[in-house]
Amino acid sequence: MTARVLFVDDEPQVLEGIKRTAGRRIEAEYAVGPAEGLQKLDAAGPFGLVISDMRMPGMSGAQFLTEVRKRSPQTVRMILSGQSDMNATIAAVNQSQIFRFLTKPCTPEELGAAIAAGLEQYALITAERELLEQTLSGAVQVLSEVLALVNPDAYGRGSRIARFVTAMTETSDHSDRWQIRLAGMLSEIGCVALPQDIVAKERAGQQLDEHEKELYDNHRCTAGKLISNIPRLSGVAAIISGVDHEATSPEAADTATTDVVAVGIKILRAAIEMDALLCQGLRAEAAAQQVQRLAPGLPPGSFDALTRTAGADKQVVTRALALKDLAVGMILDEDVMTVKGLRLMQHGNEVTASVIMRLRSFAEGVRIVEPIRVKIVSRT
C-alpha cells in the first residue's frame, strides 16, 4: 500500500494551494489546524509523512509534530515554516527529531522533492523495522525450541501463554506490540535454569518447599537478565521481569518503550493467570472472570480476545497414535514414557516440530511406550 501524506496548516487557502500542486501525484489528507491534524492521525493513520505549518494557534508545529511522534513513531515529520519562524524551526529540528523543514513560499519542485525524500525515508524505516521484527522473532523462536528440548513442561506452558498474549495484542494498534508478543513467547525461558521436577510440581499445583519456591519465583527475573543482553530487547526483558511486581522501573527499558512495557506487563500477567486457572480445571468463562479481578486494567478489547481464545476449542478428538504419526498442533493427552519408566514429555503439552524431533531422537536410543494418546483440537 502506498504511504500517505498528511498536511496540516491553520490557513485553508494554503492547503488548497498544496492540494493543487501535489494532490495528483500523492495520496494525501489535509487538516486545518493541529487539533484536526491529530484527529485525522488517529482516525485515518498511519501516515508515512506529516508536513506541518510552524506558527499555528493553540499548538506550534513543533509541539504538534512532537505529539505525532508519540502517537506514530515511524511517521516522518517535516515543518513548513515562514522566514520569521526560522530560529524556532531550527530549535524544533534539533529537539523534536524533525526530518526536514521547508520555507514559505515553497516551489512545486521543492515540495515534490521533499515529499519524495520523506516517503523514501519512511520506506527505509519501515523496511528496517520489519527486518528487525522478523530477525528477532526468528531468534526468539529458536530460543523457544531450545526450551522445548531442555524443559518441555516449561515450553508447554510458554506456548499456551504466548497464544493468549498474541490474541490480546491483536486488539492493540500500538506500534511496538511486537515486543509484547515476544515477551509472551519468552515468558518461561528462565525455567532453563530450573530442575524439571520443580516446574512439573508447580504446574501440577503441588506444594513447593521454601527453596523450590524461591527458585521458581525468580525464574522471570532470570529471564529478564538473559534477554536484556540481546540488543533492542530491553523492553521485552522489562515486561517479563515486571510481571511479578506491581510496578516496573523506568530504567529497565528505553524511554520509547516505557508505555509498551506497562501495557505488556498487564497483558502478560493476564495470560499467565489465565493459563494457571485453566490448568486447575476451571472452564474458560469462570477463569476469565477471575482474571478480570486478578489482572485489572487490560487495554480495551483484550479481555474479550482472551476469553474468546480460551474458549475457542470447539471440538476435541482423542486418538492413540504411533510416534511416527504425531503431527504439529496435537496436544499430548498422557505422559510420554520410556519402557523403563522415564517420563519424556508431560501430558497437556503441545506437539511441535522440536517435540517430535526430541521424541524420535530418544526412540533411537531407548524404546518409547506406544501408542501415544493425543488430543486433536478443532479451533474456529
Protein backbone atom coordinates (compact mmCIF):
# COMPACT_ATOMS: atom_id res chain seq x y z
CA MET A 1 0.00 0.00 0.00
CA THR A 2 1.30 3.48 -0.93
CA ALA A 3 2.31 5.58 2.07
CA ARG A 4 0.11 8.64 2.57
CA VAL A 5 0.91 12.23 3.46
CA LEU A 6 -0.90 14.47 5.96
CA PHE A 7 -0.65 18.25 5.51
CA VAL A 8 -1.54 20.49 8.47
CA ASP A 9 -1.92 24.27 8.28
CA ASP A 10 -4.25 26.71 10.01
CA GLU A 11 -4.86 28.55 6.71
CA PRO A 12 -7.27 26.68 4.38
CA GLN A 13 -6.02 28.59 1.33
CA VAL A 14 -2.51 27.27 1.89
CA LEU A 15 -3.85 23.73 1.99
CA GLU A 16 -5.80 24.36 -1.22
CA GLY A 17 -2.61 25.53 -2.89
CA ILE A 18 -0.75 22.41 -1.75
CA LYS A 19 -3.60 20.24 -2.99
CA ARG A 20 -3.43 21.85 -6.44
CA THR A 21 0.37 21.48 -6.51
CA ALA A 22 0.90 17.97 -5.16
CA GLY A 23 -2.52 16.39 -4.83
CA ARG A 24 -2.44 14.49 -8.12
CA ARG A 25 0.88 12.78 -7.50
CA ILE A 26 0.40 11.52 -3.93
CA GLU A 27 -2.27 10.12 -1.67
CA ALA A 28 -2.86 12.85 0.88
CA GLU A 29 -5.13 14.12 3.65
CA TYR A 30 -5.47 17.77 4.71
CA ALA A 31 -6.23 19.17 8.17
CA VAL A 32 -6.97 22.75 9.19
CA GLY A 33 -5.00 23.25 12.40
CA PRO A 34 -3.27 20.89 14.84
CA ALA A 35 -6.42 19.66 16.59
CA GLU A 36 -7.91 18.40 13.35
CA GLY A 37 -4.49 17.04 12.40
CA LEU A 38 -4.36 14.84 15.50
CA GLN A 39 -7.93 13.69 14.88
CA LYS A 40 -7.03 12.61 11.34
CA LEU A 41 -3.85 10.96 12.58
CA ASP A 42 -5.87 8.82 14.99
CA ALA A 43 -8.79 8.15 12.66
CA ALA A 44 -7.08 7.73 9.30
CA GLY A 45 -3.46 6.87 10.18
CA PRO A 46 -0.84 5.69 9.92
CA PHE A 47 0.73 8.25 7.59
CA GLY A 48 4.15 7.90 6.08
CA LEU A 49 4.79 11.65 6.20
CA VAL A 50 3.29 14.60 8.10
CA ILE A 51 4.08 18.15 6.95
CA SER A 52 3.00 20.90 9.34
CA ASP A 53 3.00 24.67 9.41
CA MET A 54 5.09 26.10 12.23
CA ARG A 55 3.03 29.01 13.55
CA MET A 56 -0.49 27.84 14.42
CA PRO A 57 -2.91 28.89 17.19
CA GLY A 58 -3.11 26.67 20.26
CA MET A 59 -0.15 24.49 19.35
CA SER A 60 3.02 25.22 17.39
CA GLY A 61 4.16 22.99 14.57
CA ALA A 62 7.00 21.71 16.74
CA GLN A 63 4.59 20.80 19.56
CA PHE A 64 2.20 19.19 17.09
CA LEU A 65 4.91 17.07 15.49
CA THR A 66 6.21 16.05 18.90
CA GLU A 67 2.73 14.67 19.62
CA VAL A 68 2.73 12.96 16.20
CA ARG A 69 5.98 11.26 17.15
CA LYS A 70 4.45 9.94 20.38
CA ARG A 71 1.41 8.53 18.59
CA SER A 72 3.15 7.28 15.45
CA PRO A 73 6.92 6.95 15.94
CA GLN A 74 7.60 5.67 12.43
CA THR A 75 5.96 8.64 10.69
CA VAL A 76 8.44 11.03 9.07
CA ARG A 77 7.86 14.63 10.16
CA MET A 78 8.54 17.95 8.37
CA ILE A 79 7.87 21.62 9.08
CA LEU A 80 6.71 24.21 6.55
CA SER A 81 7.95 27.50 8.01
CA GLY A 82 7.98 31.22 7.28
CA GLN A 83 11.27 33.11 7.45
CA SER A 84 10.21 34.84 10.68
CA ASP A 85 9.92 31.42 12.36
CA MET A 86 13.46 30.35 11.46
CA ASN A 87 15.02 30.30 14.93
CA ALA A 88 12.07 28.37 16.38
CA THR A 89 12.15 25.99 13.43
CA ILE A 90 15.85 25.23 13.86
CA ALA A 91 15.25 24.53 17.54
CA ALA A 92 12.37 22.25 16.63
CA VAL A 93 14.53 20.29 14.17
CA ASN A 94 17.19 19.80 16.84
CA GLN A 95 14.85 18.96 19.72
CA SER A 96 11.97 17.09 18.09
CA GLN A 97 13.84 14.91 15.58
CA ILE A 98 12.15 16.52 12.58
CA PHE A 99 13.41 15.16 9.26
CA ARG A 100 13.44 18.38 7.25
CA PHE A 101 12.00 21.89 7.15
CA LEU A 102 10.72 23.83 4.15
CA THR A 103 10.44 27.60 3.87
CA LYS A 104 7.47 29.58 2.60
CA PRO A 105 6.93 30.22 -0.21
CA CYS A 106 7.82 26.70 -1.37
CA THR A 107 8.02 25.96 -5.09
CA PRO A 108 6.25 22.89 -6.51
CA GLU A 109 9.65 21.38 -7.33
CA GLU A 110 10.96 21.88 -3.79
CA LEU A 111 7.80 20.48 -2.27
CA GLY A 112 7.78 17.48 -4.60
CA ALA A 113 11.43 16.68 -3.87
CA ALA A 114 10.86 16.98 -0.11
CA ILE A 115 7.81 14.71 -0.24
CA ALA A 116 9.74 12.11 -2.26
CA ALA A 117 12.63 12.22 0.22
CA GLY A 118 10.27 11.92 3.19
CA LEU A 119 8.42 8.94 1.76
CA GLU A 120 11.72 7.26 0.87
CA GLN A 121 12.86 7.74 4.46
CA TYR A 122 9.59 6.23 5.69
CA ALA A 123 10.10 3.22 3.40
CA LEU A 124 13.60 2.72 4.82
CA ILE A 125 12.35 2.97 8.42
CA THR A 126 9.53 0.54 7.73
CA ALA A 127 11.78 -1.96 5.95
CA GLU A 128 14.35 -1.81 8.75
CA ARG A 129 11.65 -2.32 11.36
CA GLU A 130 10.14 -5.28 9.54
CA LEU A 131 13.58 -6.85 9.16
CA LEU A 132 14.28 -6.29 12.85
CA GLU A 133 10.98 -7.83 13.91
CA GLN A 134 11.43 -10.83 11.63
CA THR A 135 15.03 -11.37 12.73
CA LEU A 136 14.20 -11.07 16.42
CA SER A 137 11.11 -13.25 16.05
CA GLY A 138 13.24 -15.92 14.37
CA ALA A 139 15.83 -15.76 17.13
CA VAL A 140 13.11 -15.97 19.77
CA GLN A 141 11.62 -18.99 18.02
CA VAL A 142 15.00 -20.72 18.21
CA LEU A 143 15.20 -19.98 21.94
CA SER A 144 11.69 -21.37 22.38
CA GLU A 145 12.65 -24.55 20.55
CA VAL A 146 15.70 -24.91 22.79
CA LEU A 147 13.43 -24.60 25.83
CA ALA A 148 11.22 -27.32 24.34
CA LEU A 149 14.21 -29.65 24.24
CA VAL A 150 15.61 -28.75 27.66
CA ASN A 151 12.41 -28.31 29.68
CA PRO A 152 9.31 -29.42 27.76
CA ASP A 153 6.95 -28.68 30.65
CA ALA A 154 8.05 -25.04 30.74
CA TYR A 155 7.83 -24.86 26.95
CA GLY A 156 4.27 -26.19 27.00
CA ARG A 157 3.20 -23.52 29.43
CA GLY A 158 5.05 -20.84 27.50
CA SER A 159 3.37 -21.79 24.22
CA ARG A 160 -0.07 -21.55 25.80
CA ILE A 161 0.76 -18.18 27.37
CA ALA A 162 2.08 -16.93 24.03
CA ARG A 163 -1.19 -17.90 22.37
CA PHE A 164 -3.18 -15.78 24.83
CA VAL A 165 -0.74 -12.85 24.56
CA THR A 166 -0.89 -12.88 20.76
CA ALA A 167 -4.69 -12.81 20.80
CA MET A 168 -4.74 -9.84 23.18
CA THR A 169 -2.12 -7.83 21.30
CA GLU A 170 -4.08 -8.20 18.06
CA THR A 171 -6.65 -5.82 19.56
CA SER A 172 -3.99 -3.12 20.04
CA ASP A 173 -2.68 -0.67 17.45
CA HIS A 174 0.45 0.04 19.49
CA SER A 175 3.41 0.32 17.09
CA ASP A 176 5.64 -1.73 19.43
CA ARG A 177 3.20 -4.54 20.16
CA TRP A 178 5.71 -7.00 18.69
CA GLN A 179 7.64 -6.61 21.95
CA ILE A 180 4.62 -7.86 23.89
CA ARG A 181 4.27 -10.88 21.59
CA LEU A 182 7.95 -11.74 22.05
CA ALA A 183 7.56 -11.37 25.82
CA GLY A 184 4.78 -13.96 25.67
CA MET A 185 6.96 -16.35 23.70
CA LEU A 186 9.90 -15.94 26.11
CA SER A 187 7.98 -15.69 29.37
CA GLU A 188 9.16 -19.12 30.58
CA ILE A 189 12.72 -19.08 29.19
CA GLY A 190 14.08 -18.55 32.71
CA CYS A 191 12.98 -22.10 33.50
CA VAL A 192 16.09 -23.38 31.69
CA ALA A 193 17.84 -22.70 35.00
CA LEU A 194 15.32 -24.77 36.99
CA PRO A 195 15.16 -28.52 37.56
CA GLN A 196 12.30 -30.02 35.55
CA ASP A 197 10.69 -31.53 38.65
CA ILE A 198 10.17 -28.05 40.17
CA VAL A 199 8.39 -26.83 37.03
CA ALA A 200 6.29 -30.01 36.91
CA LYS A 201 5.33 -29.71 40.61
CA GLU A 202 4.30 -26.06 40.24
CA ARG A 203 2.28 -26.81 37.12
CA ALA A 204 0.52 -29.70 38.86
CA GLY A 205 -0.40 -27.43 41.78
CA GLN A 206 1.80 -29.33 44.24
CA GLN A 207 3.31 -27.62 47.25
CA LEU A 208 6.86 -26.35 46.72
CA ASP A 209 9.24 -26.22 49.65
CA GLU A 210 10.82 -22.89 50.61
CA HIS A 211 13.92 -23.38 48.48
CA GLU A 212 11.96 -24.60 45.44
CA LYS A 213 9.54 -21.69 45.71
CA GLU A 214 12.39 -19.19 45.86
CA LEU A 215 13.93 -20.69 42.74
CA TYR A 216 10.65 -20.74 40.87
CA ASP A 217 9.65 -17.21 41.87
CA ASN A 218 12.90 -15.87 40.45
CA HIS A 219 12.67 -17.50 37.03
CA ARG A 220 11.18 -14.45 35.28
CA CYS A 221 13.82 -12.17 36.76
CA THR A 222 16.36 -14.65 35.40
CA ALA A 223 14.66 -14.46 32.01
CA GLY A 224 14.77 -10.67 32.09
CA LYS A 225 18.51 -10.68 32.80
CA LEU A 226 19.15 -13.15 29.97
CA ILE A 227 17.06 -11.29 27.42
CA SER A 228 18.36 -7.85 28.35
CA ASN A 229 21.71 -8.88 26.85
CA ILE A 230 20.10 -9.08 23.39
CA PRO A 231 20.21 -5.73 21.53
CA ARG A 232 16.85 -3.94 21.27
CA LEU A 233 15.08 -6.39 23.58
CA SER A 234 15.30 -4.28 26.75
CA GLY A 235 11.55 -3.66 26.56
CA VAL A 236 10.82 -7.38 26.24
CA ALA A 237 13.06 -8.09 29.22
CA ALA A 238 11.32 -5.40 31.29
CA ILE A 239 7.88 -6.83 30.50
CA ILE A 240 8.83 -10.33 31.63
CA SER A 241 10.73 -9.31 34.76
CA GLY A 242 7.99 -6.83 35.69
CA VAL A 243 5.11 -9.32 35.66
CA ASP A 244 5.67 -10.47 39.24
CA HIS A 245 5.86 -6.91 40.58
CA GLU A 246 3.22 -4.22 40.92
CA ALA A 247 5.34 -1.73 39.01
CA THR A 248 8.33 -1.81 36.70
CA SER A 249 11.29 0.54 36.88
CA PRO A 250 11.56 3.03 34.00
CA GLU A 251 15.29 2.36 33.97
CA ALA A 252 14.56 -1.20 32.83
CA ALA A 253 13.72 0.00 29.32
CA ASP A 254 14.33 2.82 26.92
CA THR A 255 12.04 5.86 27.17
CA ALA A 256 10.40 4.94 23.87
CA THR A 257 9.35 1.53 25.23
CA THR A 258 8.08 2.61 28.64
CA ASP A 259 4.45 2.73 27.52
CA VAL A 260 4.57 -0.65 25.80
CA VAL A 261 6.25 -2.13 28.88
CA ALA A 262 3.36 -1.04 31.11
CA VAL A 263 0.77 -2.42 28.67
CA GLY A 264 2.82 -5.57 28.11
CA ILE A 265 3.04 -6.35 31.81
CA LYS A 266 -0.75 -6.19 32.15
CA ILE A 267 -1.30 -8.42 29.11
CA LEU A 268 1.35 -10.98 30.06
CA ARG A 269 0.13 -11.11 33.66
CA ALA A 270 -3.42 -11.81 32.43
CA ALA A 271 -2.20 -14.58 30.11
CA ILE A 272 -0.22 -16.24 32.91
CA GLU A 273 -3.18 -16.10 35.29
CA MET A 274 -5.49 -17.49 32.61
CA ASP A 275 -3.24 -20.45 31.91
CA ALA A 276 -2.84 -21.24 35.61
CA LEU A 277 -6.60 -21.21 36.18
CA LEU A 278 -7.32 -23.38 33.15
CA CYS A 279 -4.69 -25.87 34.33
CA GLN A 280 -6.55 -26.04 37.65
CA GLY A 281 -9.58 -27.27 35.74
CA LEU A 282 -11.70 -24.11 35.54
CA ARG A 283 -13.84 -23.56 32.48
CA ALA A 284 -12.87 -20.69 30.21
CA GLU A 285 -15.70 -18.36 31.28
CA ALA A 286 -15.06 -18.83 35.01
CA ALA A 287 -11.32 -18.45 34.54
CA ALA A 288 -11.81 -15.26 32.54
CA GLN A 289 -13.92 -13.73 35.31
CA GLN A 290 -11.17 -14.42 37.84
CA VAL A 291 -8.53 -12.97 35.52
CA GLN A 292 -10.55 -9.77 35.31
CA ARG A 293 -10.18 -9.46 39.08
CA LEU A 294 -6.58 -10.70 39.35
CA ALA A 295 -5.19 -8.72 36.40
CA PRO A 296 -7.18 -5.48 36.12
CA GLY A 297 -6.50 -2.64 33.72
CA LEU A 298 -6.26 -4.56 30.46
CA PRO A 299 -6.43 -2.45 27.28
CA PRO A 300 -9.89 -2.22 25.65
CA GLY A 301 -10.81 -5.32 23.71
CA SER A 302 -8.03 -7.51 25.06
CA PHE A 303 -10.14 -9.15 27.77
CA ASP A 304 -12.76 -10.21 25.21
CA ALA A 305 -9.97 -11.56 22.98
CA LEU A 306 -8.56 -13.55 25.90
CA THR A 307 -11.97 -15.03 26.68
CA ARG A 308 -12.62 -15.97 23.05
CA THR A 309 -9.22 -17.59 22.71
CA ALA A 310 -9.55 -19.60 25.91
CA GLY A 311 -12.94 -20.90 24.79
CA ALA A 312 -12.02 -21.45 21.16
CA ASP A 313 -11.62 -25.22 21.33
CA LYS A 314 -14.84 -26.28 19.62
CA GLN A 315 -14.17 -29.96 19.05
CA VAL A 316 -11.66 -32.30 20.64
CA VAL A 317 -11.00 -35.76 19.25
CA THR A 318 -8.79 -38.22 21.15
CA ARG A 319 -6.55 -40.58 19.21
CA ALA A 320 -3.93 -43.19 20.12
CA LEU A 321 -1.12 -42.80 17.59
CA ALA A 322 2.29 -44.25 16.85
CA LEU A 323 5.21 -41.90 17.28
CA LYS A 324 5.64 -41.67 13.52
CA ASP A 325 2.08 -40.34 13.18
CA LEU A 326 2.39 -37.43 15.62
CA ALA A 327 1.81 -34.06 13.96
CA VAL A 328 2.42 -30.45 14.94
CA GLY A 329 -0.54 -28.92 16.79
CA MET A 330 -1.71 -32.04 18.59
CA ILE A 331 -1.93 -31.98 22.41
CA LEU A 332 -0.47 -34.80 24.48
CA ASP A 333 -3.27 -36.46 26.47
CA GLU A 334 -0.91 -38.58 28.55
CA ASP A 335 2.71 -38.52 29.63
CA VAL A 336 5.15 -39.88 27.08
CA MET A 337 7.22 -42.55 28.82
CA THR A 338 10.12 -44.84 28.02
CA VAL A 339 9.60 -48.55 28.62
CA LYS A 340 11.84 -48.18 31.70
CA GLY A 341 9.53 -45.58 33.24
CA LEU A 342 11.36 -42.35 32.39
CA ARG A 343 8.98 -39.51 31.56
CA LEU A 344 10.00 -37.62 28.43
CA MET A 345 7.04 -35.27 27.97
CA GLN A 346 4.16 -34.33 30.25
CA HIS A 347 0.54 -34.51 29.18
CA GLY A 348 -1.02 -31.20 28.17
CA ASN A 349 1.98 -30.06 26.14
CA GLU A 350 1.54 -29.12 22.51
CA VAL A 351 3.30 -31.21 19.90
CA THR A 352 5.78 -29.07 17.97
CA ALA A 353 8.47 -29.85 15.42
CA SER A 354 11.11 -29.83 18.18
CA VAL A 355 8.99 -32.13 20.38
CA ILE A 356 8.71 -34.65 17.55
CA MET A 357 12.45 -34.39 16.91
CA ARG A 358 13.20 -34.92 20.61
CA LEU A 359 10.96 -37.97 20.92
CA ARG A 360 12.32 -39.57 17.74
CA SER A 361 15.85 -38.95 18.98
CA PHE A 362 15.08 -40.72 22.25
CA ALA A 363 13.31 -43.54 20.42
CA GLU A 364 16.54 -44.34 18.59
CA GLY A 365 18.29 -44.98 21.89
CA VAL A 366 15.53 -46.24 24.18
CA ARG A 367 12.12 -47.67 23.49
CA ILE A 368 9.10 -45.37 23.94
CA VAL A 369 5.72 -46.62 25.07
CA GLU A 370 3.39 -46.56 22.09
CA PRO A 371 0.75 -45.76 21.05
CA ILE A 372 0.67 -42.22 22.42
CA ARG A 373 -2.72 -40.74 23.28
CA VAL A 374 -3.21 -37.22 21.90
CA LYS A 375 -5.99 -34.69 21.53
CA ILE A 376 -6.69 -33.21 18.13
CA VAL A 377 -8.32 -29.84 18.67
CA SER A 378 -10.54 -28.10 16.13
CA ARG A 379 -10.47 -24.31 16.61
CA THR A 380 -12.73 -21.79 14.89
